[in-house]
Amino acid sequence: MEYRIIKSPSKGALDIILRRKSSALEINVENCDAVGLVQGRLIDMVCAADIAEKAAGVVVADIRGQCPQHLIMIAVFGDTAAVETAIQEIKYKLNDEKVKPYARSQSN
């Protein structure tokens, strides 16, 4: 997975993201101090969206793209602290889940 946070996104950056937003979810960008972008496999992005919304007061939207590797992207909208918290929680929980089975097999 790849992660990026845009703090104080420019109008142009927000326009690009909002034009590519595929969900019907209405997002008030005036209240968004930051946008977190996460790209990865569909299964990971669904879990990442769930983790982000549970971790902090953010809104998550699916972003359309044209990727031959079948990767998708989500955008995490909110204030800077909430977006940073959400992205850190995604990194921690999704990487932790991938490590646990390996760690268990090594300890047996």
N, C-alpha and C. Protein backbone atom coordinates (compact mmCIF):
# COMPACT_ATOMS: atom_id res chain seq x y z
N MET A 1 0.83 -1.17 0.00
CA MET A 1 0.00 0.00 0.00
C MET A 1 0.88 1.24 0.00
N GLU A 2 0.33 2.28 -0.57
CA GLU A 2 1.01 3.57 -0.56
C GLU A 2 0.14 4.58 0.17
N TYR A 3 0.78 5.51 0.88
CA TYR A 3 0.07 6.49 1.69
C TYR A 3 0.65 7.87 1.42
N ARG A 4 -0.22 8.86 1.37
CA ARG A 4 0.20 10.25 1.28
C ARG A 4 -0.80 11.09 2.05
N ILE A 5 -0.32 12.16 2.66
CA ILE A 5 -1.20 13.13 3.31
C ILE A 5 -0.92 14.49 2.68
N ILE A 6 -1.98 15.15 2.26
CA ILE A 6 -1.87 16.51 1.74
C ILE A 6 -2.46 17.44 2.79
N LYS A 7 -1.60 18.24 3.41
CA LYS A 7 -2.06 19.21 4.40
C LYS A 7 -2.39 20.51 3.68
N SER A 8 -3.48 21.12 4.05
CA SER A 8 -3.95 22.35 3.40
C SER A 8 -3.97 22.18 1.88
N PRO A 9 -4.75 21.22 1.37
CA PRO A 9 -4.74 20.95 -0.07
C PRO A 9 -5.17 22.18 -0.88
N SER A 10 -4.54 22.35 -2.02
CA SER A 10 -4.88 23.46 -2.91
C SER A 10 -6.24 23.20 -3.55
N LYS A 11 -6.84 24.24 -4.08
CA LYS A 11 -8.12 24.11 -4.75
C LYS A 11 -7.98 23.14 -5.93
N GLY A 12 -6.89 23.23 -6.67
CA GLY A 12 -6.67 22.34 -7.81
C GLY A 12 -6.59 20.88 -7.41
N ALA A 13 -5.87 20.60 -6.31
CA ALA A 13 -5.75 19.22 -5.84
C ALA A 13 -7.12 18.69 -5.41
N LEU A 14 -7.86 19.51 -4.68
CA LEU A 14 -9.20 19.09 -4.25
C LEU A 14 -10.12 18.88 -5.45
N ASP A 15 -10.03 19.73 -6.45
CA ASP A 15 -10.85 19.56 -7.65
C ASP A 15 -10.56 18.23 -8.34
N ILE A 16 -9.29 17.87 -8.46
CA ILE A 16 -8.91 16.59 -9.08
C ILE A 16 -9.52 15.44 -8.30
N ILE A 17 -9.35 15.47 -6.99
CA ILE A 17 -9.87 14.38 -6.15
C ILE A 17 -11.38 14.28 -6.24
N LEU A 18 -12.06 15.42 -6.14
CA LEU A 18 -13.52 15.40 -6.16
C LEU A 18 -14.09 15.00 -7.52
N ARG A 19 -13.41 15.34 -8.61
CA ARG A 19 -13.86 14.90 -9.93
C ARG A 19 -13.74 13.39 -10.08
N ARG A 20 -12.80 12.79 -9.41
CA ARG A 20 -12.56 11.35 -9.53
C ARG A 20 -13.29 10.55 -8.46
N LYS A 21 -13.97 11.23 -7.53
CA LYS A 21 -14.70 10.56 -6.46
C LYS A 21 -15.85 9.77 -7.07
N SER A 22 -15.92 8.49 -6.74
CA SER A 22 -16.95 7.65 -7.36
C SER A 22 -18.15 7.41 -6.45
N SER A 23 -18.02 7.68 -5.18
CA SER A 23 -19.14 7.45 -4.28
C SER A 23 -20.09 8.64 -4.31
N ALA A 24 -21.33 8.40 -3.95
CA ALA A 24 -22.35 9.45 -3.92
C ALA A 24 -22.23 10.31 -2.67
N LEU A 25 -21.32 9.97 -1.80
CA LEU A 25 -21.14 10.67 -0.53
C LEU A 25 -20.81 12.14 -0.77
N GLU A 26 -21.58 13.02 -0.13
CA GLU A 26 -21.31 14.45 -0.23
C GLU A 26 -20.24 14.83 0.78
N ILE A 27 -19.25 15.54 0.32
CA ILE A 27 -18.14 15.94 1.18
C ILE A 27 -18.03 17.46 1.16
N ASN A 28 -18.05 18.08 2.34
CA ASN A 28 -17.88 19.52 2.45
C ASN A 28 -16.39 19.79 2.59
N VAL A 29 -15.74 20.15 1.47
CA VAL A 29 -14.29 20.32 1.47
C VAL A 29 -13.85 21.56 2.25
N GLU A 30 -14.77 22.46 2.54
CA GLU A 30 -14.41 23.64 3.31
C GLU A 30 -14.00 23.27 4.73
N ASN A 31 -14.47 22.14 5.23
CA ASN A 31 -14.12 21.69 6.58
C ASN A 31 -12.93 20.74 6.60
N CYS A 32 -12.29 20.53 5.46
CA CYS A 32 -11.18 19.59 5.36
C CYS A 32 -9.86 20.33 5.35
N ASP A 33 -9.10 20.16 6.42
CA ASP A 33 -7.77 20.76 6.49
C ASP A 33 -6.74 19.88 5.80
N ALA A 34 -7.07 18.59 5.63
CA ALA A 34 -6.12 17.65 5.06
C ALA A 34 -6.87 16.54 4.32
N VAL A 35 -6.15 15.92 3.40
CA VAL A 35 -6.67 14.76 2.68
C VAL A 35 -5.60 13.69 2.72
N GLY A 36 -5.98 12.51 3.20
CA GLY A 36 -5.08 11.36 3.17
C GLY A 36 -5.43 10.50 1.97
N LEU A 37 -4.45 10.05 1.24
CA LEU A 37 -4.66 9.18 0.09
C LEU A 37 -4.01 7.84 0.38
N VAL A 38 -4.77 6.78 0.18
CA VAL A 38 -4.27 5.43 0.40
C VAL A 38 -4.60 4.61 -0.84
N GLN A 39 -3.60 3.93 -1.38
CA GLN A 39 -3.80 3.12 -2.58
C GLN A 39 -3.38 1.69 -2.30
N GLY A 40 -4.20 0.75 -2.77
CA GLY A 40 -3.88 -0.65 -2.56
C GLY A 40 -4.94 -1.55 -3.16
N ARG A 41 -4.92 -2.81 -2.75
CA ARG A 41 -5.90 -3.78 -3.24
C ARG A 41 -7.27 -3.49 -2.65
N LEU A 42 -8.30 -3.89 -3.36
CA LEU A 42 -9.68 -3.61 -2.95
C LEU A 42 -9.95 -4.09 -1.53
N ILE A 43 -9.56 -5.30 -1.20
CA ILE A 43 -9.83 -5.84 0.13
C ILE A 43 -9.18 -4.98 1.21
N ASP A 44 -7.97 -4.50 0.95
CA ASP A 44 -7.29 -3.66 1.92
C ASP A 44 -7.95 -2.28 2.02
N MET A 45 -8.44 -1.75 0.90
CA MET A 45 -9.05 -0.42 0.91
C MET A 45 -10.39 -0.41 1.63
N VAL A 46 -11.15 -1.49 1.53
CA VAL A 46 -12.41 -1.58 2.28
C VAL A 46 -12.10 -1.61 3.77
N CYS A 47 -11.13 -2.41 4.16
CA CYS A 47 -10.73 -2.47 5.57
C CYS A 47 -10.15 -1.13 6.03
N ALA A 48 -9.35 -0.49 5.17
CA ALA A 48 -8.75 0.80 5.51
C ALA A 48 -9.81 1.86 5.74
N ALA A 49 -10.85 1.88 4.90
CA ALA A 49 -11.93 2.84 5.07
C ALA A 49 -12.62 2.64 6.41
N ASP A 50 -12.87 1.39 6.77
CA ASP A 50 -13.51 1.07 8.04
C ASP A 50 -12.63 1.51 9.21
N ILE A 51 -11.36 1.20 9.14
CA ILE A 51 -10.42 1.57 10.20
C ILE A 51 -10.36 3.08 10.36
N ALA A 52 -10.26 3.80 9.25
CA ALA A 52 -10.13 5.26 9.29
C ALA A 52 -11.34 5.90 9.93
N GLU A 53 -12.53 5.48 9.53
CA GLU A 53 -13.74 6.11 10.06
C GLU A 53 -13.94 5.78 11.53
N LYS A 54 -13.50 4.62 11.97
CA LYS A 54 -13.62 4.26 13.38
C LYS A 54 -12.55 4.93 14.25
N ALA A 55 -11.40 5.25 13.65
CA ALA A 55 -10.28 5.79 14.41
C ALA A 55 -10.40 7.29 14.67
N ALA A 56 -11.02 8.01 13.75
CA ALA A 56 -11.04 9.47 13.88
C ALA A 56 -12.26 10.04 13.16
N GLY A 57 -12.53 11.29 13.40
CA GLY A 57 -13.67 11.95 12.77
C GLY A 57 -13.38 12.34 11.33
N VAL A 58 -13.30 11.35 10.46
CA VAL A 58 -13.00 11.58 9.06
C VAL A 58 -14.11 11.04 8.17
N VAL A 59 -14.09 11.46 6.92
CA VAL A 59 -15.01 10.95 5.91
C VAL A 59 -14.14 10.30 4.83
N VAL A 60 -14.52 9.11 4.39
CA VAL A 60 -13.74 8.37 3.40
C VAL A 60 -14.54 8.24 2.11
N ALA A 61 -13.85 8.43 0.98
CA ALA A 61 -14.48 8.28 -0.33
C ALA A 61 -13.59 7.45 -1.23
N ASP A 62 -14.22 6.68 -2.10
CA ASP A 62 -13.53 5.88 -3.11
C ASP A 62 -13.16 6.81 -4.27
N ILE A 63 -11.95 6.70 -4.77
CA ILE A 63 -11.47 7.54 -5.86
C ILE A 63 -11.24 6.66 -7.08
N ARG A 64 -11.90 7.02 -8.19
CA ARG A 64 -11.75 6.26 -9.44
C ARG A 64 -10.36 6.45 -10.01
N GLY A 65 -9.89 5.41 -10.64
CA GLY A 65 -8.61 5.48 -11.32
C GLY A 65 -8.56 4.47 -12.43
N GLN A 66 -7.50 4.51 -13.19
CA GLN A 66 -7.30 3.53 -14.25
C GLN A 66 -5.95 2.88 -14.02
N CYS A 67 -5.98 1.79 -13.31
CA CYS A 67 -4.75 1.12 -12.92
C CYS A 67 -4.77 -0.32 -13.42
N PRO A 68 -3.83 -0.68 -14.28
CA PRO A 68 -3.82 -2.05 -14.80
C PRO A 68 -3.52 -3.11 -13.73
N GLN A 69 -2.98 -2.69 -12.59
CA GLN A 69 -2.69 -3.64 -11.51
C GLN A 69 -3.90 -3.83 -10.60
N HIS A 70 -5.04 -3.24 -10.93
CA HIS A 70 -6.28 -3.36 -10.16
C HIS A 70 -6.16 -2.80 -8.75
N LEU A 71 -5.35 -1.76 -8.60
CA LEU A 71 -5.27 -1.07 -7.33
C LEU A 71 -6.34 0.01 -7.30
N ILE A 72 -6.85 0.29 -6.13
CA ILE A 72 -7.81 1.38 -6.01
C ILE A 72 -7.28 2.36 -4.98
N MET A 73 -7.94 3.52 -4.89
CA MET A 73 -7.51 4.53 -3.95
C MET A 73 -8.70 5.05 -3.17
N ILE A 74 -8.45 5.34 -1.90
CA ILE A 74 -9.45 6.02 -1.09
C ILE A 74 -8.86 7.36 -0.66
N ALA A 75 -9.75 8.32 -0.44
CA ALA A 75 -9.36 9.62 0.11
C ALA A 75 -9.99 9.75 1.48
N VAL A 76 -9.21 10.20 2.43
CA VAL A 76 -9.64 10.38 3.81
C VAL A 76 -9.67 11.89 4.07
N PHE A 77 -10.86 12.45 4.26
CA PHE A 77 -11.03 13.88 4.44
C PHE A 77 -11.28 14.22 5.90
N GLY A 78 -10.66 15.31 6.39
CA GLY A 78 -10.90 15.75 7.75
C GLY A 78 -9.91 16.80 8.17
N ASP A 79 -9.90 17.09 9.47
CA ASP A 79 -8.88 18.03 9.95
C ASP A 79 -7.55 17.29 9.99
N THR A 80 -6.47 18.04 10.05
CA THR A 80 -5.13 17.46 9.93
C THR A 80 -4.87 16.36 10.96
N ALA A 81 -5.19 16.62 12.21
CA ALA A 81 -4.94 15.63 13.26
C ALA A 81 -5.74 14.35 13.04
N ALA A 82 -7.00 14.50 12.64
CA ALA A 82 -7.84 13.32 12.41
C ALA A 82 -7.34 12.51 11.23
N VAL A 83 -6.94 13.17 10.15
CA VAL A 83 -6.42 12.45 8.98
C VAL A 83 -5.12 11.74 9.34
N GLU A 84 -4.24 12.41 10.05
CA GLU A 84 -2.98 11.76 10.46
C GLU A 84 -3.25 10.55 11.35
N THR A 85 -4.18 10.69 12.29
CA THR A 85 -4.54 9.57 13.16
C THR A 85 -5.10 8.41 12.35
N ALA A 86 -6.00 8.71 11.42
CA ALA A 86 -6.62 7.67 10.60
C ALA A 86 -5.58 6.93 9.77
N ILE A 87 -4.66 7.67 9.13
CA ILE A 87 -3.63 7.03 8.30
C ILE A 87 -2.70 6.18 9.17
N GLN A 88 -2.31 6.69 10.32
CA GLN A 88 -1.44 5.90 11.22
C GLN A 88 -2.13 4.62 11.68
N GLU A 89 -3.42 4.71 11.97
CA GLU A 89 -4.17 3.53 12.40
C GLU A 89 -4.28 2.50 11.27
N ILE A 90 -4.49 2.98 10.06
CA ILE A 90 -4.53 2.08 8.89
C ILE A 90 -3.19 1.36 8.76
N LYS A 91 -2.11 2.12 8.79
CA LYS A 91 -0.77 1.53 8.66
C LYS A 91 -0.54 0.48 9.75
N TYR A 92 -0.87 0.84 10.98
CA TYR A 92 -0.65 -0.06 12.11
C TYR A 92 -1.48 -1.33 12.00
N LYS A 93 -2.77 -1.17 11.79
CA LYS A 93 -3.66 -2.34 11.82
C LYS A 93 -3.49 -3.23 10.60
N LEU A 94 -3.34 -2.68 9.42
CA LEU A 94 -3.21 -3.54 8.24
C LEU A 94 -1.84 -4.20 8.19
N ASN A 95 -0.80 -3.49 8.60
CA ASN A 95 0.51 -4.13 8.64
C ASN A 95 0.58 -5.15 9.77
N ASP A 96 -0.07 -4.87 10.90
CA ASP A 96 -0.10 -5.78 12.03
C ASP A 96 -0.78 -7.09 11.66
N GLU A 97 -1.89 -7.01 10.91
CA GLU A 97 -2.59 -8.23 10.50
C GLU A 97 -1.75 -9.08 9.57
N LYS A 98 -0.94 -8.45 8.74
CA LYS A 98 -0.09 -9.21 7.82
C LYS A 98 1.07 -9.86 8.54
N VAL A 99 1.52 -9.25 9.64
CA VAL A 99 2.67 -9.76 10.39
C VAL A 99 2.27 -10.90 11.32
N LYS A 100 1.08 -10.83 11.92
CA LYS A 100 0.68 -11.81 12.94
C LYS A 100 0.77 -13.26 12.49
N PRO A 101 0.22 -13.66 11.32
CA PRO A 101 0.32 -15.07 10.96
C PRO A 101 1.77 -15.54 10.84
N TYR A 102 2.62 -14.70 10.31
CA TYR A 102 4.02 -15.06 10.17
C TYR A 102 4.67 -15.19 11.54
N ALA A 103 4.37 -14.26 12.42
CA ALA A 103 4.95 -14.29 13.77
C ALA A 103 4.51 -15.54 14.51
N ARG A 104 3.25 -15.93 14.35
CA ARG A 104 2.76 -17.14 15.01
C ARG A 104 3.47 -18.38 14.49
N SER A 105 3.68 -18.45 13.18
CA SER A 105 4.33 -19.64 12.62
C SER A 105 5.79 -19.74 13.06
N GLN A 106 6.42 -18.60 13.33
CA GLN A 106 7.80 -18.61 13.80
C GLN A 106 7.91 -19.01 15.25
N SER A 107 6.88 -18.75 16.05
CA SER A 107 6.95 -19.05 17.48
C SER A 107 6.59 -20.51 17.77
N ASN A 108 6.00 -21.22 16.82
CA ASN A 108 5.61 -22.62 17.07
C ASN A 108 6.74 -23.57 16.83
